[in-house]
PDB file of N, CA and C in Angstrom:
ATOM      1  N   MET A   1       3.658 -20.940  -2.834  1.00  0.00           N
ATOM      2  CA  MET A   1       2.327 -20.463  -2.489  1.00  0.00           C
ATOM      3  C   MET A   1       2.460 -19.274  -1.531  1.00  0.00           C
ATOM      4  N   PRO A   2       1.709 -18.184  -1.782  1.00  0.00           N
ATOM      5  CA  PRO A   2       1.850 -16.996  -0.928  1.00  0.00           C
ATOM      6  C   PRO A   2       1.332 -17.246   0.485  1.00  0.00           C
ATOM      7  N   GLU A   3       1.932 -16.524   1.419  1.00  0.00           N
ATOM      8  CA  GLU A   3       1.488 -16.586   2.808  1.00  0.00           C
ATOM      9  C   GLU A   3       0.077 -15.982   2.896  1.00  0.00           C
ATOM     10  N   PRO A   4      -0.756 -16.474   3.822  1.00  0.00           N
ATOM     11  CA  PRO A   4      -2.114 -15.927   3.945  1.00  0.00           C
ATOM     12  C   PRO A   4      -2.124 -14.422   4.228  1.00  0.00           C
ATOM     13  N   GLU A   5      -1.148 -13.945   5.017  1.00  0.00           N
ATOM     14  CA  GLU A   5      -1.085 -12.512   5.318  1.00  0.00           C
ATOM     15  C   GLU A   5      -0.797 -11.702   4.059  1.00  0.00           C
ATOM     16  N   ASP A   6       0.113 -12.211   3.216  1.00  0.00           N
ATOM     17  CA  ASP A   6       0.443 -11.513   1.974  1.00  0.00           C
ATOM     18  C   ASP A   6      -0.763 -11.465   1.041  1.00  0.00           C
ATOM     19  N   GLU A   7      -1.439 -12.588   0.943  1.00  0.00           N
ATOM     20  CA  GLU A   7      -2.614 -12.667   0.083  1.00  0.00           C
ATOM     21  C   GLU A   7      -3.712 -11.717   0.585  1.00  0.00           C
ATOM     22  N   ALA A   8      -3.919 -11.697   1.898  1.00  0.00           N
ATOM     23  CA  ALA A   8      -4.936 -10.817   2.484  1.00  0.00           C
ATOM     24  C   ALA A   8      -4.566  -9.356   2.264  1.00  0.00           C
ATOM     25  N   PHE A   9      -3.303  -9.010   2.485  1.00  0.00           N
ATOM     26  CA  PHE A   9      -2.883  -7.622   2.318  1.00  0.00           C
ATOM     27  C   PHE A   9      -3.031  -7.176   0.868  1.00  0.00           C
ATOM     28  N   THR A  10      -2.661  -8.030  -0.070  1.00  0.00           N
ATOM     29  CA  THR A  10      -2.805  -7.707  -1.490  1.00  0.00           C
ATOM     30  C   THR A  10      -4.270  -7.463  -1.832  1.00  0.00           C
ATOM     31  N   LEU A  11      -5.138  -8.286  -1.306  1.00  0.00           N
ATOM     32  CA  LEU A  11      -6.569  -8.135  -1.554  1.00  0.00           C
ATOM     33  C   LEU A  11      -7.084  -6.828  -0.956  1.00  0.00           C
ATOM     34  N   ILE A  12      -6.680  -6.527   0.264  1.00  0.00           N
ATOM     35  CA  ILE A  12      -7.118  -5.285   0.920  1.00  0.00           C
ATOM     36  C   ILE A  12      -6.574  -4.077   0.162  1.00  0.00           C
ATOM     37  N   GLN A  13      -5.313  -4.140  -0.264  1.00  0.00           N
ATOM     38  CA  GLN A  13      -4.717  -3.044  -1.036  1.00  0.00           C
ATOM     39  C   GLN A  13      -5.452  -2.807  -2.347  1.00  0.00           C
ATOM     40  N   SER A  14      -5.982  -3.851  -2.939  1.00  0.00           N
ATOM     41  CA  SER A  14      -6.635  -3.725  -4.240  1.00  0.00           C
ATOM     42  C   SER A  14      -7.972  -3.003  -4.155  1.00  0.00           C
ATOM     43  N   LYS A  15      -8.451  -2.768  -2.944  1.00  0.00           N
ATOM     44  CA  LYS A  15      -9.756  -2.119  -2.762  1.00  0.00           C
ATOM     45  C   LYS A  15      -9.599  -0.891  -1.877  1.00  0.00           C
ATOM     46  N   PRO A  16      -9.267   0.259  -2.480  1.00  0.00           N
ATOM     47  CA  PRO A  16      -9.032   1.472  -1.689  1.00  0.00           C
ATOM     48  C   PRO A  16     -10.215   1.863  -0.808  1.00  0.00           C
ATOM     49  N   GLU A  17     -11.426   1.487  -1.210  1.00  0.00           N
ATOM     50  CA  GLU A  17     -12.605   1.812  -0.404  1.00  0.00           C
ATOM     51  C   GLU A  17     -12.702   0.949   0.841  1.00  0.00           C
ATOM     52  N   GLY A  18     -11.918  -0.122   0.886  1.00  0.00           N
ATOM     53  CA  GLY A  18     -11.878  -1.010   2.040  1.00  0.00           C
ATOM     54  C   GLY A  18     -12.586  -2.329   1.780  1.00  0.00           C
ATOM     55  N   VAL A  19     -12.336  -3.277   2.660  1.00  0.00           N
ATOM     56  CA  VAL A  19     -12.927  -4.615   2.587  1.00  0.00           C
ATOM     57  C   VAL A  19     -13.514  -4.925   3.954  1.00  0.00           C
ATOM     58  N   LEU A  20     -14.714  -5.469   3.964  1.00  0.00           N
ATOM     59  CA  LEU A  20     -15.292  -5.897   5.228  1.00  0.00           C
ATOM     60  C   LEU A  20     -14.631  -7.196   5.667  1.00  0.00           C
ATOM     61  N   GLN A  21     -14.285  -7.266   6.948  1.00  0.00           N
ATOM     62  CA  GLN A  21     -13.640  -8.470   7.461  1.00  0.00           C
ATOM     63  C   GLN A  21     -14.554  -9.678   7.270  1.00  0.00           C
ATOM     64  N   SER A  22     -15.856  -9.463   7.363  1.00  0.00           N
ATOM     65  CA  SER A  22     -16.806 -10.562   7.187  1.00  0.00           C
ATOM     66  C   SER A  22     -16.814 -11.088   5.752  1.00  0.00           C
ATOM     67  N   GLU A  23     -16.320 -10.299   4.813  1.00  0.00           N
ATOM     68  CA  GLU A  23     -16.209 -10.739   3.419  1.00  0.00           C
ATOM     69  C   GLU A  23     -14.807 -11.272   3.117  1.00  0.00           C
ATOM     70  N   LEU A  24     -13.814 -10.742   3.810  1.00  0.00           N
ATOM     71  CA  LEU A  24     -12.425 -11.126   3.544  1.00  0.00           C
ATOM     72  C   LEU A  24     -12.203 -12.620   3.737  1.00  0.00           C
ATOM     73  N   TRP A  25     -12.700 -13.165   4.828  1.00  0.00           N
ATOM     74  CA  TRP A  25     -12.439 -14.577   5.080  1.00  0.00           C
ATOM     75  C   TRP A  25     -13.063 -15.457   4.009  1.00  0.00           C
ATOM     76  N   LYS A  26     -14.195 -15.031   3.461  1.00  0.00           N
ATOM     77  CA  LYS A  26     -14.825 -15.803   2.383  1.00  0.00           C
ATOM     78  C   LYS A  26     -13.973 -15.747   1.117  1.00  0.00           C
ATOM     79  N   GLU A  27     -13.464 -14.542   0.811  1.00  0.00           N
ATOM     80  CA  GLU A  27     -12.635 -14.380  -0.378  1.00  0.00           C
ATOM     81  C   GLU A  27     -11.316 -15.134  -0.267  1.00  0.00           C
ATOM     82  N   LEU A  28     -10.786 -15.236   0.942  1.00  0.00           N
ATOM     83  CA  LEU A  28      -9.527 -15.953   1.151  1.00  0.00           C
ATOM     84  C   LEU A  28      -9.724 -17.464   1.253  1.00  0.00           C
ATOM     85  N   GLY A  29     -10.953 -17.882   1.495  1.00  0.00           N
ATOM     86  CA  GLY A  29     -11.224 -19.314   1.652  1.00  0.00           C
ATOM     87  C   GLY A  29     -10.734 -19.871   2.974  1.00  0.00           C
ATOM     88  N   VAL A  30     -10.796 -19.039   4.033  1.00  0.00           N
ATOM     89  CA  VAL A  30     -10.403 -19.479   5.375  1.00  0.00           C
ATOM     90  C   VAL A  30     -11.587 -19.254   6.309  1.00  0.00           C
ATOM     91  N   ASP A  31     -11.520 -19.843   7.504  1.00  0.00           N
ATOM     92  CA  ASP A  31     -12.608 -19.611   8.455  1.00  0.00           C
ATOM     93  C   ASP A  31     -12.420 -18.258   9.145  1.00  0.00           C
ATOM     94  N   SER A  32     -13.466 -17.811   9.829  1.00  0.00           N
ATOM     95  CA  SER A  32     -13.435 -16.477  10.433  1.00  0.00           C
ATOM     96  C   SER A  32     -12.370 -16.351  11.526  1.00  0.00           C
ATOM     97  N   ARG A  33     -12.075 -17.425  12.240  1.00  0.00           N
ATOM     98  CA  ARG A  33     -11.049 -17.368  13.295  1.00  0.00           C
ATOM     99  C   ARG A  33      -9.663 -17.157  12.687  1.00  0.00           C
ATOM    100  N   LYS A  34      -9.363 -17.900  11.628  1.00  0.00           N
ATOM    101  CA  LYS A  34      -8.065 -17.732  10.964  1.00  0.00           C
ATOM    102  C   LYS A  34      -7.954 -16.321  10.381  1.00  0.00           C
ATOM    103  N   CYS A  35      -9.050 -15.845   9.803  1.00  0.00           N
ATOM    104  CA  CYS A  35      -9.052 -14.487   9.245  1.00  0.00           C
ATOM    105  C   CYS A  35      -8.775 -13.454  10.337  1.00  0.00           C
ATOM    106  N   SER A  36      -9.354 -13.650  11.512  1.00  0.00           N
ATOM    107  CA  SER A  36      -9.119 -12.727  12.630  1.00  0.00           C
ATOM    108  C   SER A  36      -7.642 -12.686  13.003  1.00  0.00           C
ATOM    109  N   ARG A  37      -6.983 -13.843  12.993  1.00  0.00           N
ATOM    110  CA  ARG A  37      -5.544 -13.889  13.304  1.00  0.00           C
ATOM    111  C   ARG A  37      -4.728 -13.172  12.215  1.00  0.00           C
ATOM    112  N   ILE A  38      -5.112 -13.370  10.960  1.00  0.00           N
ATOM    113  CA  ILE A  38      -4.426 -12.703   9.847  1.00  0.00           C
ATOM    114  C   ILE A  38      -4.571 -11.191   9.978  1.00  0.00           C
ATOM    115  N   VAL A  39      -5.799 -10.740  10.220  1.00  0.00           N
ATOM    116  CA  VAL A  39      -6.077  -9.306  10.346  1.00  0.00           C
ATOM    117  C   VAL A  39      -5.300  -8.719  11.514  1.00  0.00           C
ATOM    118  N   LYS A  40      -5.245  -9.440  12.623  1.00  0.00           N
ATOM    119  CA  LYS A  40      -4.510  -8.959  13.797  1.00  0.00           C
ATOM    120  C   LYS A  40      -3.025  -8.761  13.454  1.00  0.00           C
ATOM    121  N   LYS A  41      -2.425  -9.722  12.752  1.00  0.00           N
ATOM    122  CA  LYS A  41      -1.016  -9.592  12.361  1.00  0.00           C
ATOM    123  C   LYS A  41      -0.803  -8.392  11.442  1.00  0.00           C
ATOM    124  N   LEU A  42      -1.686  -8.210  10.475  1.00  0.00           N
ATOM    125  CA  LEU A  42      -1.556  -7.088   9.551  1.00  0.00           C
ATOM    126  C   LEU A  42      -1.717  -5.749  10.269  1.00  0.00           C
ATOM    127  N   GLU A  43      -2.659  -5.701  11.185  1.00  0.00           N
ATOM    128  CA  GLU A  43      -2.884  -4.465  11.943  1.00  0.00           C
ATOM    129  C   GLU A  43      -1.693  -4.165  12.859  1.00  0.00           C
ATOM    130  N   GLU A  44      -1.180  -5.178  13.552  1.00  0.00           N
ATOM    131  CA  GLU A  44      -0.034  -4.982  14.441  1.00  0.00           C
ATOM    132  C   GLU A  44       1.220  -4.591  13.662  1.00  0.00           C
ATOM    133  N   SER A  45       1.304  -5.012  12.409  1.00  0.00           N
ATOM    134  CA  SER A  45       2.444  -4.656  11.557  1.00  0.00           C
ATOM    135  C   SER A  45       2.313  -3.254  10.980  1.00  0.00           C
ATOM    136  N   GLY A  46       1.180  -2.628  11.203  1.00  0.00           N
ATOM    137  CA  GLY A  46       0.967  -1.278  10.683  1.00  0.00           C
ATOM    138  C   GLY A  46       0.624  -1.244   9.206  1.00  0.00           C
ATOM    139  N   LEU A  47       0.206  -2.367   8.654  1.00  0.00           N
ATOM    140  CA  LEU A  47      -0.109  -2.420   7.224  1.00  0.00           C
ATOM    141  C   LEU A  47      -1.558  -2.047   6.925  1.00  0.00           C
ATOM    142  N   ILE A  48      -2.450  -2.306   7.880  1.00  0.00           N
ATOM    143  CA  ILE A  48      -3.864  -1.998   7.662  1.00  0.00           C
ATOM    144  C   ILE A  48      -4.449  -1.263   8.854  1.00  0.00           C
ATOM    145  N   GLY A  49      -5.538  -0.565   8.588  1.00  0.00           N
ATOM    146  CA  GLY A  49      -6.325   0.055   9.645  1.00  0.00           C
ATOM    147  C   GLY A  49      -7.660  -0.669   9.703  1.00  0.00           C
ATOM    148  N   ARG A  50      -8.292  -0.630  10.850  1.00  0.00           N
ATOM    149  CA  ARG A  50      -9.536  -1.370  11.052  1.00  0.00           C
ATOM    150  C   ARG A  50     -10.497  -0.483  11.820  1.00  0.00           C
ATOM    151  N   GLU A  51     -11.730  -0.346  11.305  1.00  0.00           N
ATOM    152  CA  GLU A  51     -12.731   0.439  12.020  1.00  0.00           C
ATOM    153  C   GLU A  51     -14.046  -0.329  12.085  1.00  0.00           C
ATOM    154  N   GLU A  52     -14.762  -0.143  13.193  1.00  0.00           N
ATOM    155  CA  GLU A  52     -16.033  -0.841  13.359  1.00  0.00           C
ATOM    156  C   GLU A  52     -16.999  -0.433  12.268  1.00  0.00           C
ATOM    157  N   PHE A  53     -17.811  -1.390  11.840  1.00  0.00           N
ATOM    158  CA  PHE A  53     -18.754  -1.176  10.753  1.00  0.00           C
ATOM    159  C   PHE A  53     -19.949  -2.091  11.001  1.00  0.00           C
ATOM    160  N   LYS A  54     -21.161  -1.585  10.808  1.00  0.00           N
ATOM    161  CA  LYS A  54     -22.358  -2.424  10.956  1.00  0.00           C
ATOM    162  C   LYS A  54     -22.946  -2.674   9.579  1.00  0.00           C
ATOM    163  N   LYS A  55     -23.143  -3.961   9.305  1.00  0.00           N
ATOM    164  CA  LYS A  55     -23.765  -4.360   8.045  1.00  0.00           C
ATOM    165  C   LYS A  55     -24.962  -5.230   8.396  1.00  0.00           C
ATOM    166  N   ASP A  56     -26.131  -4.788   7.987  1.00  0.00           N
ATOM    167  CA  ASP A  56     -27.367  -5.507   8.288  1.00  0.00           C
ATOM    168  C   ASP A  56     -27.525  -5.737   9.796  1.00  0.00           C
ATOM    169  N   GLY A  57     -27.106  -4.741  10.584  1.00  0.00           N
ATOM    170  CA  GLY A  57     -27.226  -4.820  12.025  1.00  0.00           C
ATOM    171  C   GLY A  57     -26.178  -5.687  12.710  1.00  0.00           C
ATOM    172  N   ILE A  58     -25.255  -6.233  11.943  1.00  0.00           N
ATOM    173  CA  ILE A  58     -24.212  -7.096  12.505  1.00  0.00           C
ATOM    174  C   ILE A  58     -22.889  -6.339  12.490  1.00  0.00           C
ATOM    175  N   LYS A  59     -22.183  -6.385  13.631  1.00  0.00           N
ATOM    176  CA  LYS A  59     -20.906  -5.678  13.731  1.00  0.00           C
ATOM    177  C   LYS A  59     -19.813  -6.464  13.005  1.00  0.00           C
ATOM    178  N   THR A  60     -19.078  -5.745  12.180  1.00  0.00           N
ATOM    179  CA  THR A  60     -17.896  -6.295  11.519  1.00  0.00           C
ATOM    180  C   THR A  60     -16.871  -5.169  11.492  1.00  0.00           C
ATOM    181  N   TYR A  61     -15.837  -5.318  10.705  1.00  0.00           N
ATOM    182  CA  TYR A  61     -14.811  -4.276  10.604  1.00  0.00           C
ATOM    183  C   TYR A  61     -14.543  -3.970   9.146  1.00  0.00           C
ATOM    184  N   LEU A  62     -14.307  -2.683   8.881  1.00  0.00           N
ATOM    185  CA  LEU A  62     -13.880  -2.248   7.561  1.00  0.00           C
ATOM    186  C   LEU A  62     -12.363  -2.159   7.603  1.00  0.00           C
ATOM    187  N   LEU A  63     -11.715  -2.876   6.704  1.00  0.00           N
ATOM    188  CA  LEU A  63     -10.256  -2.946   6.654  1.00  0.00           C
ATOM    189  C   LEU A  63      -9.750  -2.131   5.474  1.00  0.00           C
ATOM    190  N   ARG A  64      -8.750  -1.293   5.738  1.00  0.00           N
ATOM    191  CA  ARG A  64      -8.140  -0.500   4.666  1.00  0.00           C
ATOM    192  C   ARG A  64      -6.623  -0.581   4.780  1.00  0.00           C
ATOM    193  N   ALA A  65      -5.979  -0.663   3.627  1.00  0.00           N
ATOM    194  CA  ALA A  65      -4.517  -0.665   3.594  1.00  0.00           C
ATOM    195  C   ALA A  65      -4.024   0.735   3.953  1.00  0.00           C
ATOM    196  N   LEU A  66      -2.994   0.793   4.789  1.00  0.00           N
ATOM    197  CA  LEU A  66      -2.398   2.082   5.144  1.00  0.00           C
ATOM    198  C   LEU A  66      -1.330   2.486   4.139  1.00  0.00           C
ATOM    199  N   ARG A  67      -0.893   1.514   3.327  1.00  0.00           N
ATOM    200  CA  ARG A  67       0.074   1.792   2.261  1.00  0.00           C
ATOM    201  C   ARG A  67      -0.498   1.249   0.965  1.00  0.00           C
ATOM    202  N   GLN A  68      -0.397   2.056  -0.061  1.00  0.00           N
ATOM    203  CA  GLN A  68      -0.846   1.610  -1.372  1.00  0.00           C
ATOM    204  C   GLN A  68       0.364   1.122  -2.161  1.00  0.00           C
ATOM    205  N   PRO A  69       0.148   0.244  -3.128  1.00  0.00           N
ATOM    206  CA  PRO A  69       1.278  -0.255  -3.913  1.00  0.00           C
ATOM    207  C   PRO A  69       1.939   0.866  -4.701  1.00  0.00           C
ATOM    208  N   VAL A  70       3.227   0.727  -4.921  1.00  0.00           N
ATOM    209  CA  VAL A  70       3.980   1.707  -5.703  1.00  0.00           C
ATOM    210  C   VAL A  70       3.843   1.354  -7.176  1.00  0.00           C
ATOM    211  N   HIS A  71       3.448   2.329  -7.955  1.00  0.00           N
ATOM    212  CA  HIS A  71       3.338   2.120  -9.393  1.00  0.00           C
ATOM    213  C   HIS A  71       4.681   2.461 -10.036  1.00  0.00           C
ATOM    214  N   PRO A  72       5.224   1.567 -10.848  1.00  0.00           N
ATOM    215  CA  PRO A  72       6.554   1.779 -11.441  1.00  0.00           C
ATOM    216  C   PRO A  72       6.710   3.112 -12.163  1.00  0.00           C
ATOM    217  N   GLU A  73       5.647   3.596 -12.806  1.00  0.00           N
ATOM    218  CA  GLU A  73       5.767   4.864 -13.532  1.00  0.00           C
ATOM    219  C   GLU A  73       6.046   6.036 -12.597  1.00  0.00           C
ATOM    220  N   ASN A  74       5.745   5.882 -11.297  1.00  0.00           N
ATOM    221  CA  ASN A  74       6.023   6.945 -10.331  1.00  0.00           C
ATOM    222  C   ASN A  74       7.483   6.961  -9.888  1.00  0.00           C
ATOM    223  N   LEU A  75       8.255   5.988 -10.322  1.00  0.00           N
ATOM    224  CA  LEU A  75       9.666   5.912  -9.960  1.00  0.00           C
ATOM    225  C   LEU A  75      10.575   6.412 -11.068  1.00  0.00           C
ATOM    226  N   LEU A  76       9.973   6.822 -12.180  1.00  0.00           N
ATOM    227  CA  LEU A  76      10.765   7.240 -13.333  1.00  0.00           C
ATOM    228  C   LEU A  76      10.530   8.697 -13.679  1.00  0.00           C
ATOM    229  N   ALA A  77      11.590   9.353 -14.091  1.00  0.00           N
ATOM    230  CA  ALA A  77      11.514  10.676 -14.710  1.00  0.00           C
ATOM    231  C   ALA A  77      12.165  10.473 -16.064  1.00  0.00           C
ATOM    232  N   GLY A  78      11.351  10.381 -17.092  1.00  0.00           N
ATOM    233  CA  GLY A  78      11.893  10.007 -18.394  1.00  0.00           C
ATOM    234  C   GLY A  78      12.407   8.589 -18.295  1.00  0.00           C
ATOM    235  N   ASP A  79      13.690   8.418 -18.531  1.00  0.00           N
ATOM    236  CA  ASP A  79      14.313   7.103 -18.416  1.00  0.00           C
ATOM    237  C   ASP A  79      15.092   6.959 -17.112  1.00  0.00           C
ATOM    238  N   GLU A  80      15.033   7.962 -16.248  1.00  0.00           N
ATOM    239  CA  GLU A  80      15.829   7.977 -15.029  1.00  0.00           C
ATOM    240  C   GLU A  80      15.037   7.457 -13.836  1.00  0.00           C
ATOM    241  N   LEU A  81      15.585   6.444 -13.170  1.00  0.00           N
ATOM    242  CA  LEU A  81      14.989   5.871 -11.969  1.00  0.00           C
ATOM    243  C   LEU A  81      15.268   6.780 -10.779  1.00  0.00           C
ATOM    244  N   ILE A  82      14.300   6.923  -9.885  1.00  0.00           N
ATOM    245  CA  ILE A  82      14.481   7.769  -8.700  1.00  0.00           C
ATOM    246  C   ILE A  82      15.758   7.335  -7.956  1.00  0.00           C
ATOM    247  N   PRO A  83      16.624   8.272  -7.635  1.00  0.00           N
ATOM    248  CA  PRO A  83      17.908   7.917  -7.028  1.00  0.00           C
ATOM    249  C   PRO A  83      17.800   7.348  -5.615  1.00  0.00           C
ATOM    250  N   CYS A  84      16.695   7.558  -4.942  1.00  0.00           N
ATOM    251  CA  CYS A  84      16.548   7.115  -3.550  1.00  0.00           C
ATOM    252  C   CYS A  84      16.479   5.597  -3.411  1.00  0.00           C
ATOM    253  N   ILE A  85      16.132   4.903  -4.460  1.00  0.00           N
ATOM    254  CA  ILE A  85      15.958   3.451  -4.378  1.00  0.00           C
ATOM    255  C   ILE A  85      17.242   2.760  -3.938  1.00  0.00           C
ATOM    256  N   ALA A  86      18.358   3.167  -4.481  1.00  0.00           N
ATOM    257  CA  ALA A  86      19.626   2.514  -4.148  1.00  0.00           C
ATOM    258  C   ALA A  86      20.451   3.311  -3.138  1.00  0.00           C
ATOM    259  N   CYS A  87      19.881   4.374  -2.623  1.00  0.00           N
ATOM    260  CA  CYS A  87      20.621   5.261  -1.722  1.00  0.00           C
ATOM    261  C   CYS A  87      20.473   4.810  -0.269  1.00  0.00           C
ATOM    262  N   ASP A  88      21.590   4.788   0.447  1.00  0.00           N
ATOM    263  CA  ASP A  88      21.529   4.440   1.861  1.00  0.00           C
ATOM    264  C   ASP A  88      21.910   5.623   2.748  1.00  0.00           C
ATOM    265  N   LEU A  89      21.978   6.809   2.145  1.00  0.00           N
ATOM    266  CA  LEU A  89      22.304   8.013   2.905  1.00  0.00           C
ATOM    267  C   LEU A  89      21.052   8.574   3.568  1.00  0.00           C
ATOM    268  N   GLU A  90      21.224   9.130   4.750  1.00  0.00           N
ATOM    269  CA  GLU A  90      20.136   9.853   5.377  1.00  0.00           C
ATOM    270  C   GLU A  90      20.337  11.307   5.004  1.00  0.00           C
ATOM    271  N   CYS A  91      19.351  11.861   4.325  1.00  0.00           N
ATOM    272  CA  CYS A  91      19.535  13.226   3.839  1.00  0.00           C
ATOM    273  C   CYS A  91      18.282  14.053   4.059  1.00  0.00           C
ATOM    274  N   VAL A  92      18.419  15.330   3.830  1.00  0.00           N
ATOM    275  CA  VAL A  92      17.308  16.266   3.839  1.00  0.00           C
ATOM    276  C   VAL A  92      16.912  16.446   2.379  1.00  0.00           C
ATOM    277  N   VAL A  93      15.655  16.213   2.079  1.00  0.00           N
ATOM    278  CA  VAL A  93      15.191  16.225   0.689  1.00  0.00           C
ATOM    279  C   VAL A  93      15.633  17.492  -0.041  1.00  0.00           C
ATOM    280  N   GLN A  94      15.471  18.638   0.579  1.00  0.00           N
ATOM    281  CA  GLN A  94      15.809  19.901  -0.074  1.00  0.00           C
ATOM    282  C   GLN A  94      17.310  20.053  -0.336  1.00  0.00           C
ATOM    283  N   GLU A  95      18.141  19.247   0.314  1.00  0.00           N
ATOM    284  CA  GLU A  95      19.591  19.356   0.155  1.00  0.00           C
ATOM    285  C   GLU A  95      20.201  18.184  -0.608  1.00  0.00           C
ATOM    286  N   CYS A  96      19.360  17.261  -1.084  1.00  0.00           N
ATOM    287  CA  CYS A  96      19.859  16.083  -1.796  1.00  0.00           C
ATOM    288  C   CYS A  96      19.935  16.412  -3.291  1.00  0.00           C
ATOM    289  N   HIS A  97      21.155  16.622  -3.772  1.00  0.00           N
ATOM    290  CA  HIS A  97      21.330  17.022  -5.175  1.00  0.00           C
ATOM    291  C   HIS A  97      20.845  15.970  -6.168  1.00  0.00           C
ATOM    292  N   PRO A  98      21.154  14.678  -5.967  1.00  0.00           N
ATOM    293  CA  PRO A  98      20.633  13.694  -6.934  1.00  0.00           C
ATOM    294  C   PRO A  98      19.098  13.673  -6.986  1.00  0.00           C
ATOM    295  N   LEU A  99      18.452  13.797  -5.830  1.00  0.00           N
ATOM    296  CA  LEU A  99      16.991  13.791  -5.813  1.00  0.00           C
ATOM    297  C   LEU A  99      16.434  15.060  -6.454  1.00  0.00           C
ATOM    298  N   MET A 100      17.034  16.194  -6.147  1.00  0.00           N
ATOM    299  CA  MET A 100      16.561  17.453  -6.740  1.00  0.00           C
ATOM    300  C   MET A 100      16.735  17.440  -8.259  1.00  0.00           C
ATOM    301  N   ASP A 101      17.864  16.919  -8.738  1.00  0.00           N
ATOM    302  CA  ASP A 101      18.074  16.807 -10.188  1.00  0.00           C
ATOM    303  C   ASP A 101      17.015  15.909 -10.813  1.00  0.00           C
ATOM    304  N   TRP A 102      16.713  14.797 -10.139  1.00  0.00           N
ATOM    305  CA  TRP A 102      15.704  13.863 -10.640  1.00  0.00           C
ATOM    306  C   TRP A 102      14.333  14.545 -10.699  1.00  0.00           C
ATOM    307  N   MET A 103      13.996  15.317  -9.651  1.00  0.00           N
ATOM    308  CA  MET A 103      12.704  16.006  -9.614  1.00  0.00           C
ATOM    309  C   MET A 103      12.600  17.054 -10.715  1.00  0.00           C
ATOM    310  N   TYR A 104      13.693  17.777 -10.962  1.00  0.00           N
ATOM    311  CA  TYR A 104      13.687  18.753 -12.059  1.00  0.00           C
ATOM    312  C   TYR A 104      13.491  18.048 -13.390  1.00  0.00           C
ATOM    313  N   GLN A 105      14.135  16.899 -13.557  1.00  0.00           N
ATOM    314  CA  GLN A 105      13.989  16.107 -14.779  1.00  0.00           C
ATOM    315  C   GLN A 105      12.542  15.661 -14.937  1.00  0.00           C
ATOM    316  N   LEU A 106      11.897  15.303 -13.848  1.00  0.00           N
ATOM    317  CA  LEU A 106      10.506  14.884 -13.859  1.00  0.00           C
ATOM    318  C   LEU A 106       9.613  16.016 -14.363  1.00  0.00           C
ATOM    319  N   VAL A 107       9.857  17.218 -13.868  1.00  0.00           N
ATOM    320  CA  VAL A 107       9.074  18.383 -14.290  1.00  0.00           C
ATOM    321  C   VAL A 107       9.314  18.671 -15.766  1.00  0.00           C
ATOM    322  N   ILE A 108      10.565  18.636 -16.194  1.00  0.00           N
ATOM    323  CA  ILE A 108      10.895  18.922 -17.592  1.00  0.00           C
ATOM    324  C   ILE A 108      10.242  17.903 -18.514  1.00  0.00           C
ATOM    325  N   VAL A 109      10.373  16.623 -18.206  1.00  0.00           N
ATOM    326  CA  VAL A 109       9.775  15.562 -19.018  1.00  0.00           C
ATOM    327  C   VAL A 109       8.267  15.684 -19.009  1.00  0.00           C
ATOM    328  N   GLY A 110       7.684  15.950 -17.842  1.00  0.00           N
ATOM    329  CA  GLY A 110       6.236  16.096 -17.733  1.00  0.00           C
ATOM    330  C   GLY A 110       5.718  17.239 -18.585  1.00  0.00           C
ATOM    331  N   ASN A 111       6.425  18.355 -18.582  1.00  0.00           N
ATOM    332  CA  ASN A 111       6.000  19.515 -19.386  1.00  0.00           C
ATOM    333  C   ASN A 111       6.225  19.283 -20.866  1.00  0.00           C
ATOM    334  N   THR A 112       7.226  18.506 -21.228  1.00  0.00           N
ATOM    335  CA  THR A 112       7.518  18.215 -22.625  1.00  0.00           C
ATOM    336  C   THR A 112       6.441  17.309 -23.218  1.00  0.00           C
ATOM    337  N   ASN A 113       5.882  16.402 -22.413  1.00  0.00           N
ATOM    338  CA  ASN A 113       4.884  15.453 -22.893  1.00  0.00           C
ATOM    339  C   ASN A 113       3.489  16.054 -23.002  1.00  0.00           C
ATOM    340  N   GLN A 114       3.285  17.254 -22.521  1.00  0.00           N
ATOM    341  CA  GLN A 114       1.941  17.863 -22.541  1.00  0.00           C
ATOM    342  C   GLN A 114       1.646  18.542 -23.842  1.00  0.00           C
TER     343      GLN A 114
END
């Protein structure tokens, strides 16, 4: 069973426009106090942002994911997986030959498919 924080983050990520905290706890099936603790952990982890929001004159918070999920198609150039996934080198993007080759392949494949 997924952790409540994971479930909450997935739900928040699924709504780029944001989720009201007053609605999140209902969707998660937890009480408002537990939801507040979940939101605090996510915010402290840097996964979500939180801004004050008034709905029907009542103060709540609008929650937005600071990171969006990675779509697998963005990791491929043709059949080639982005080389950075398995790379543990610290490099400068403009000087990384495997990455530059991959990016050129991405452009070539993209132009070929048009």
